[in-house]
């Protein structure tokens, strides 16, 4: 095998490797969870129009706030004050298990911090279910 053939073979193997990595990463898509920053004390919380709640993961409670864009259609939490959420059907859940995601639209949440279980929409994809105990 001459040098040109070796070089061509190396390039082809490299391109195949890149394509494999690309397709594997598409099936394991998982966007990051939106970070919401609210005051850590009751007085500051009420000062921004929030309300103080108790929850199982915090002994002292936490600040929460209603959103002004609740119910607005969205395809990503960056479009919302809170989170972009939707309901998940059993078929969609199965597709997520098989493919890693399902294309979806959602609506903006009514609160900044959610409790219960909600389908999370990020980058026009229903990727995971967000569950937080109260």
N, C-alpha and C. Protein backbone atom coordinates (compact mmCIF):
# COMPACT_ATOMS: atom_id res chain seq x y z
N UNK A 1 0.85 -1.17 0.00
CA UNK A 1 0.00 0.00 0.00
C UNK A 1 0.90 1.24 0.00
N UNK A 2 0.66 2.15 -0.92
CA UNK A 2 1.49 3.34 -1.00
C UNK A 2 1.03 4.41 0.00
N UNK A 3 1.80 5.48 0.11
CA UNK A 3 1.53 6.53 1.10
C UNK A 3 0.19 7.24 0.86
N UNK A 4 -0.18 7.43 -0.40
CA UNK A 4 -1.45 8.09 -0.70
C UNK A 4 -2.63 7.24 -0.23
N UNK A 5 -2.54 5.96 -0.42
CA UNK A 5 -3.60 5.05 0.00
C UNK A 5 -3.70 5.02 1.54
N UNK A 6 -2.56 5.00 2.22
CA UNK A 6 -2.56 5.03 3.68
C UNK A 6 -3.20 6.31 4.20
N UNK A 7 -2.82 7.43 3.59
CA UNK A 7 -3.38 8.72 3.99
C UNK A 7 -4.90 8.75 3.77
N UNK A 8 -5.36 8.28 2.63
CA UNK A 8 -6.78 8.24 2.32
C UNK A 8 -7.53 7.34 3.31
N UNK A 9 -6.95 6.22 3.65
CA UNK A 9 -7.56 5.31 4.60
C UNK A 9 -7.67 5.96 5.99
N UNK A 10 -6.65 6.66 6.41
CA UNK A 10 -6.67 7.36 7.70
C UNK A 10 -7.76 8.43 7.71
N UNK A 11 -7.88 9.18 6.63
CA UNK A 11 -8.90 10.22 6.54
C UNK A 11 -10.31 9.60 6.60
N UNK A 12 -10.51 8.52 5.89
CA UNK A 12 -11.82 7.85 5.88
C UNK A 12 -12.16 7.32 7.27
N UNK A 13 -11.22 6.71 7.94
CA UNK A 13 -11.44 6.18 9.29
C UNK A 13 -11.76 7.33 10.25
N UNK A 14 -11.04 8.43 10.13
CA UNK A 14 -11.27 9.59 10.98
C UNK A 14 -12.69 10.14 10.76
N UNK A 15 -13.11 10.29 9.51
CA UNK A 15 -14.44 10.81 9.20
C UNK A 15 -15.53 9.88 9.72
N UNK A 16 -15.32 8.58 9.61
CA UNK A 16 -16.29 7.63 10.15
C UNK A 16 -16.40 7.76 11.67
N UNK A 17 -15.26 7.94 12.31
CA UNK A 17 -15.24 8.13 13.76
C UNK A 17 -16.03 9.38 14.15
N UNK A 18 -15.82 10.48 13.45
CA UNK A 18 -16.54 11.72 13.72
C UNK A 18 -18.04 11.53 13.53
N UNK A 19 -18.44 10.86 12.47
CA UNK A 19 -19.86 10.60 12.22
C UNK A 19 -20.48 9.73 13.31
N UNK A 20 -19.78 8.73 13.76
CA UNK A 20 -20.28 7.87 14.83
C UNK A 20 -20.48 8.67 16.11
N UNK A 21 -19.50 9.47 16.46
CA UNK A 21 -19.60 10.31 17.66
C UNK A 21 -20.80 11.25 17.54
N UNK A 22 -20.99 11.84 16.37
CA UNK A 22 -22.10 12.76 16.15
C UNK A 22 -23.44 12.05 16.37
N UNK A 23 -23.64 10.89 15.75
CA UNK A 23 -24.92 10.20 15.87
C UNK A 23 -25.16 9.67 17.28
N UNK A 24 -24.14 9.23 17.96
CA UNK A 24 -24.29 8.77 19.34
C UNK A 24 -24.69 9.95 20.22
N UNK A 25 -24.08 11.10 20.03
CA UNK A 25 -24.41 12.26 20.85
C UNK A 25 -25.83 12.75 20.59
N UNK A 26 -26.36 12.58 19.41
CA UNK A 26 -27.74 12.99 19.10
C UNK A 26 -28.74 12.13 19.85
N UNK A 27 -28.46 10.88 20.04
CA UNK A 27 -29.39 9.99 20.73
C UNK A 27 -29.31 10.11 22.24
N UNK A 28 -28.26 10.69 22.76
CA UNK A 28 -28.10 10.86 24.20
C UNK A 28 -28.26 12.31 24.61
N UNK A 29 -29.05 13.03 23.87
CA UNK A 29 -29.26 14.44 24.12
C UNK A 29 -29.90 14.66 25.49
N UNK A 30 -29.29 15.49 26.30
CA UNK A 30 -29.89 15.88 27.56
C UNK A 30 -29.48 17.31 27.87
N UNK A 31 -30.41 18.25 27.71
CA UNK A 31 -30.07 19.65 27.96
C UNK A 31 -29.88 19.91 29.44
N UNK A 32 -29.22 21.00 29.74
CA UNK A 32 -29.02 21.35 31.14
C UNK A 32 -30.30 21.95 31.71
N UNK A 33 -30.46 21.81 33.00
CA UNK A 33 -31.62 22.34 33.69
C UNK A 33 -31.40 23.83 33.95
N UNK A 34 -32.41 24.63 33.68
CA UNK A 34 -32.34 26.07 33.87
C UNK A 34 -32.09 26.38 35.34
N UNK A 35 -31.18 27.31 35.60
CA UNK A 35 -30.89 27.75 36.95
C UNK A 35 -31.69 29.01 37.24
N UNK A 36 -32.43 29.00 38.32
CA UNK A 36 -33.22 30.15 38.73
C UNK A 36 -32.69 30.63 40.07
N UNK A 37 -32.41 31.91 40.15
CA UNK A 37 -31.85 32.48 41.37
C UNK A 37 -32.89 33.38 42.03
N UNK A 38 -33.27 33.03 43.25
CA UNK A 38 -34.21 33.81 44.04
C UNK A 38 -33.59 34.04 45.42
N UNK A 39 -34.05 35.07 46.14
CA UNK A 39 -33.49 35.35 47.47
C UNK A 39 -33.59 34.15 48.41
N UNK A 40 -32.65 34.08 49.35
CA UNK A 40 -32.60 32.97 50.29
C UNK A 40 -33.23 33.27 51.64
N UNK A 41 -33.86 34.44 51.77
CA UNK A 41 -34.54 34.74 53.03
C UNK A 41 -35.92 35.30 52.76
N UNK A 42 -36.81 35.13 53.73
CA UNK A 42 -38.22 35.47 53.56
C UNK A 42 -38.44 36.96 53.28
N UNK A 43 -37.77 37.82 53.99
CA UNK A 43 -37.98 39.27 53.81
C UNK A 43 -37.58 39.72 52.42
N UNK A 44 -36.39 39.28 51.94
CA UNK A 44 -35.95 39.64 50.58
C UNK A 44 -36.88 39.04 49.53
N UNK A 45 -37.35 37.84 49.79
CA UNK A 45 -38.26 37.15 48.86
C UNK A 45 -39.54 37.96 48.69
N UNK A 46 -40.13 38.35 49.82
CA UNK A 46 -41.36 39.14 49.75
C UNK A 46 -41.11 40.50 49.12
N UNK A 47 -39.88 41.02 49.27
CA UNK A 47 -39.52 42.31 48.67
C UNK A 47 -39.52 42.29 47.15
N UNK A 48 -39.33 41.11 46.54
CA UNK A 48 -39.36 41.03 45.07
C UNK A 48 -40.71 40.51 44.57
N UNK A 49 -41.69 40.44 45.48
CA UNK A 49 -43.02 39.96 45.08
C UNK A 49 -43.16 38.45 45.16
N UNK A 50 -42.22 37.79 45.82
CA UNK A 50 -42.27 36.34 45.96
C UNK A 50 -43.00 35.93 47.22
N UNK A 51 -43.08 34.64 47.47
CA UNK A 51 -43.70 34.11 48.67
C UNK A 51 -42.84 32.96 49.19
N UNK A 52 -42.89 32.75 50.49
CA UNK A 52 -42.06 31.77 51.16
C UNK A 52 -42.81 30.45 51.28
N UNK A 53 -42.16 29.35 50.90
CA UNK A 53 -42.76 28.02 50.98
C UNK A 53 -41.85 27.08 51.73
N UNK A 54 -42.43 26.06 52.33
CA UNK A 54 -41.61 25.00 52.92
C UNK A 54 -41.62 23.82 51.96
N UNK A 55 -40.52 23.10 51.94
CA UNK A 55 -40.39 21.95 51.04
C UNK A 55 -39.50 20.91 51.69
N UNK A 56 -39.65 19.67 51.31
CA UNK A 56 -38.94 18.59 51.98
C UNK A 56 -37.43 18.70 51.91
N UNK A 57 -36.87 19.31 50.83
CA UNK A 57 -35.42 19.35 50.72
C UNK A 57 -34.79 20.56 51.40
N UNK A 58 -35.60 21.43 52.03
CA UNK A 58 -35.07 22.61 52.70
C UNK A 58 -35.73 22.77 54.06
N UNK A 59 -34.95 22.71 55.12
CA UNK A 59 -35.50 22.86 56.47
C UNK A 59 -36.12 24.23 56.68
N UNK A 60 -35.52 25.25 56.11
CA UNK A 60 -35.94 26.62 56.36
C UNK A 60 -36.93 27.16 55.34
N UNK A 61 -37.22 26.42 54.32
CA UNK A 61 -38.11 26.90 53.27
C UNK A 61 -37.33 27.52 52.12
N UNK A 62 -38.06 28.06 51.17
CA UNK A 62 -37.43 28.66 49.99
C UNK A 62 -38.35 29.72 49.40
N UNK A 63 -37.77 30.56 48.60
CA UNK A 63 -38.50 31.63 47.93
C UNK A 63 -39.05 31.12 46.60
N UNK A 64 -40.29 31.44 46.32
CA UNK A 64 -40.88 31.13 45.02
C UNK A 64 -41.61 32.37 44.54
N UNK A 65 -41.88 32.43 43.26
CA UNK A 65 -42.52 33.62 42.69
C UNK A 65 -43.37 33.21 41.51
N UNK A 66 -44.55 33.81 41.39
CA UNK A 66 -45.40 33.58 40.24
C UNK A 66 -44.75 34.23 39.02
N UNK A 67 -44.99 33.67 37.85
CA UNK A 67 -44.42 34.22 36.61
C UNK A 67 -45.47 35.06 35.89
N UNK A 68 -45.03 36.01 35.09
CA UNK A 68 -45.96 36.85 34.33
C UNK A 68 -46.27 36.25 32.96
N UNK A 69 -45.53 35.20 32.57
CA UNK A 69 -45.73 34.63 31.23
C UNK A 69 -46.33 33.22 31.27
N UNK A 70 -46.98 32.88 32.37
CA UNK A 70 -47.58 31.54 32.53
C UNK A 70 -48.53 31.23 31.37
N UNK A 71 -48.39 30.04 30.81
CA UNK A 71 -49.26 29.59 29.73
C UNK A 71 -48.82 29.98 28.34
N UNK A 72 -47.79 30.83 28.22
CA UNK A 72 -47.28 31.22 26.90
C UNK A 72 -46.63 30.00 26.24
N UNK A 73 -46.88 29.80 24.94
CA UNK A 73 -46.26 28.68 24.22
C UNK A 73 -44.75 28.89 24.15
N UNK A 74 -44.01 27.80 24.29
CA UNK A 74 -42.55 27.88 24.28
C UNK A 74 -41.95 26.60 23.70
N UNK A 75 -40.68 26.69 23.31
CA UNK A 75 -39.92 25.52 22.88
C UNK A 75 -38.63 25.39 23.68
N UNK A 76 -38.44 26.30 24.66
CA UNK A 76 -37.23 26.27 25.48
C UNK A 76 -37.47 27.11 26.73
N UNK A 77 -36.90 26.70 27.86
CA UNK A 77 -37.08 27.44 29.10
C UNK A 77 -36.47 28.84 29.06
N UNK A 78 -35.53 29.08 28.16
CA UNK A 78 -34.97 30.42 28.02
C UNK A 78 -36.02 31.42 27.55
N UNK A 79 -37.13 30.94 27.01
CA UNK A 79 -38.21 31.81 26.58
C UNK A 79 -39.17 32.14 27.72
N UNK A 80 -38.93 31.58 28.90
CA UNK A 80 -39.85 31.72 30.03
C UNK A 80 -39.14 32.28 31.25
N UNK A 81 -39.93 32.91 32.12
CA UNK A 81 -39.39 33.31 33.43
C UNK A 81 -39.07 32.08 34.26
N UNK A 82 -39.96 31.09 34.19
CA UNK A 82 -39.75 29.84 34.92
C UNK A 82 -39.23 28.77 33.98
N UNK A 83 -40.04 27.73 33.77
CA UNK A 83 -39.64 26.60 32.94
C UNK A 83 -40.63 26.39 31.81
N UNK A 84 -40.17 25.80 30.71
CA UNK A 84 -41.03 25.40 29.61
C UNK A 84 -41.40 23.94 29.87
N UNK A 85 -42.69 23.68 30.11
CA UNK A 85 -43.13 22.35 30.53
C UNK A 85 -44.29 21.85 29.68
N UNK A 86 -44.51 20.54 29.72
CA UNK A 86 -45.63 19.92 29.03
C UNK A 86 -45.94 18.59 29.68
N UNK A 87 -47.07 18.01 29.34
CA UNK A 87 -47.42 16.66 29.80
C UNK A 87 -46.75 15.65 28.88
N UNK A 88 -46.45 14.48 29.41
CA UNK A 88 -45.82 13.41 28.63
C UNK A 88 -46.79 12.24 28.54
N UNK A 89 -47.07 11.81 27.32
CA UNK A 89 -47.91 10.63 27.13
C UNK A 89 -47.04 9.38 27.28
N UNK A 90 -47.65 8.22 27.52
CA UNK A 90 -46.87 6.98 27.60
C UNK A 90 -46.08 6.71 26.31
N UNK A 91 -46.67 7.04 25.14
CA UNK A 91 -45.95 6.85 23.87
C UNK A 91 -44.72 7.74 23.79
N UNK A 92 -44.86 9.01 24.22
CA UNK A 92 -43.71 9.92 24.20
C UNK A 92 -42.64 9.45 25.17
N UNK A 93 -43.06 8.95 26.33
CA UNK A 93 -42.09 8.43 27.29
C UNK A 93 -41.30 7.28 26.68
N UNK A 94 -41.98 6.39 25.98
CA UNK A 94 -41.32 5.26 25.31
C UNK A 94 -40.34 5.75 24.26
N UNK A 95 -40.74 6.76 23.48
CA UNK A 95 -39.84 7.31 22.45
C UNK A 95 -38.61 7.94 23.08
N UNK A 96 -38.79 8.59 24.23
CA UNK A 96 -37.64 9.17 24.93
C UNK A 96 -36.68 8.06 25.35
N UNK A 97 -37.23 6.96 25.86
CA UNK A 97 -36.39 5.83 26.27
C UNK A 97 -35.61 5.27 25.08
N UNK A 98 -36.24 5.23 23.91
CA UNK A 98 -35.60 4.66 22.72
C UNK A 98 -34.65 5.65 22.04
N UNK A 99 -35.06 6.90 21.89
CA UNK A 99 -34.32 7.87 21.10
C UNK A 99 -33.58 8.92 21.91
N UNK A 100 -33.91 9.07 23.18
CA UNK A 100 -33.28 10.09 24.00
C UNK A 100 -34.05 11.40 24.02
N UNK A 101 -34.95 11.62 23.05
CA UNK A 101 -35.74 12.84 23.02
C UNK A 101 -36.93 12.69 22.08
N UNK A 102 -37.86 13.63 22.22
CA UNK A 102 -39.02 13.74 21.34
C UNK A 102 -39.20 15.24 21.07
N UNK A 103 -39.43 15.62 19.82
CA UNK A 103 -39.69 17.02 19.53
C UNK A 103 -41.00 17.43 20.19
N UNK A 104 -41.02 18.63 20.79
CA UNK A 104 -42.21 19.04 21.53
C UNK A 104 -42.27 20.55 21.70
N UNK A 105 -43.47 21.03 21.99
CA UNK A 105 -43.70 22.41 22.41
C UNK A 105 -44.30 22.33 23.79
N UNK A 106 -44.16 23.39 24.55
CA UNK A 106 -44.71 23.42 25.89
C UNK A 106 -45.33 24.76 26.19
N UNK A 107 -45.60 24.99 27.46
CA UNK A 107 -46.08 26.29 27.94
C UNK A 107 -45.24 26.70 29.13
N UNK A 108 -45.10 27.99 29.31
CA UNK A 108 -44.32 28.51 30.43
C UNK A 108 -45.04 28.22 31.75
N UNK A 109 -44.27 27.83 32.74
CA UNK A 109 -44.82 27.48 34.06
C UNK A 109 -45.38 28.71 34.76
N UNK A 110 -46.26 28.46 35.72
CA UNK A 110 -46.87 29.57 36.46
C UNK A 110 -46.03 30.02 37.65
N UNK A 111 -45.02 29.22 38.03
CA UNK A 111 -44.14 29.54 39.15
C UNK A 111 -42.69 29.39 38.72
N UNK A 112 -41.80 30.08 39.40
CA UNK A 112 -40.37 29.99 39.10
C UNK A 112 -39.82 28.61 39.48
N UNK A 113 -40.20 28.11 40.65
CA UNK A 113 -39.74 26.81 41.12
C UNK A 113 -40.94 25.87 41.15
N UNK A 114 -40.81 24.75 40.49
CA UNK A 114 -41.92 23.79 40.36
C UNK A 114 -41.78 22.64 41.33
N UNK A 115 -42.92 22.13 41.78
CA UNK A 115 -42.96 20.89 42.53
C UNK A 115 -43.87 19.93 41.78
N UNK A 116 -43.74 18.63 42.05
CA UNK A 116 -44.48 17.63 41.29
C UNK A 116 -43.66 17.17 40.10
N UNK A 117 -44.30 16.52 39.15
CA UNK A 117 -43.61 16.02 37.95
C UNK A 117 -44.10 16.76 36.71
N UNK A 118 -43.16 17.21 35.90
CA UNK A 118 -43.47 17.97 34.70
C UNK A 118 -42.54 17.53 33.58
N UNK A 119 -43.07 17.40 32.37
CA UNK A 119 -42.22 17.17 31.21
C UNK A 119 -41.49 18.46 30.89
N UNK A 120 -40.20 18.39 30.69
CA UNK A 120 -39.38 19.57 30.47
C UNK A 120 -39.07 19.70 28.98
N UNK A 121 -39.32 20.87 28.40
CA UNK A 121 -39.04 21.13 26.99
C UNK A 121 -37.84 22.06 26.90
N UNK A 122 -36.80 21.61 26.22
CA UNK A 122 -35.59 22.41 26.00
C UNK A 122 -35.17 22.21 24.55
N UNK A 123 -34.82 23.29 23.87
CA UNK A 123 -34.37 23.21 22.48
C UNK A 123 -35.37 22.47 21.59
N UNK A 124 -36.67 22.72 21.83
CA UNK A 124 -37.75 22.10 21.04
C UNK A 124 -37.80 20.58 21.22
N UNK A 125 -37.26 20.09 22.33
CA UNK A 125 -37.23 18.65 22.59
C UNK A 125 -37.75 18.35 23.98
N UNK A 126 -38.58 17.35 24.07
CA UNK A 126 -39.03 16.83 25.35
C UNK A 126 -37.99 15.78 25.76
N UNK A 127 -37.15 16.14 26.71
CA UNK A 127 -36.02 15.27 27.00
C UNK A 127 -36.19 14.44 28.25
N UNK A 128 -36.67 15.03 29.33
CA UNK A 128 -36.79 14.32 30.60
C UNK A 128 -38.01 14.82 31.36
N UNK A 129 -38.35 14.13 32.42
CA UNK A 129 -39.38 14.57 33.33
C UNK A 129 -38.72 15.16 34.56
N UNK A 130 -39.17 16.34 34.93
CA UNK A 130 -38.65 17.01 36.11
C UNK A 130 -39.59 16.72 37.26
N UNK A 131 -39.09 16.05 38.31
CA UNK A 131 -39.92 15.75 39.50
C UNK A 131 -39.23 16.30 40.74
N UNK A 132 -39.98 17.10 41.51
CA UNK A 132 -39.47 17.66 42.74
C UNK A 132 -40.54 17.48 43.81
N UNK A 133 -40.16 16.86 44.94
CA UNK A 133 -41.10 16.65 46.04
C UNK A 133 -41.33 17.97 46.77
N UNK A 134 -42.52 18.09 47.29
CA UNK A 134 -42.81 19.26 48.13
C UNK A 134 -42.85 18.86 49.56
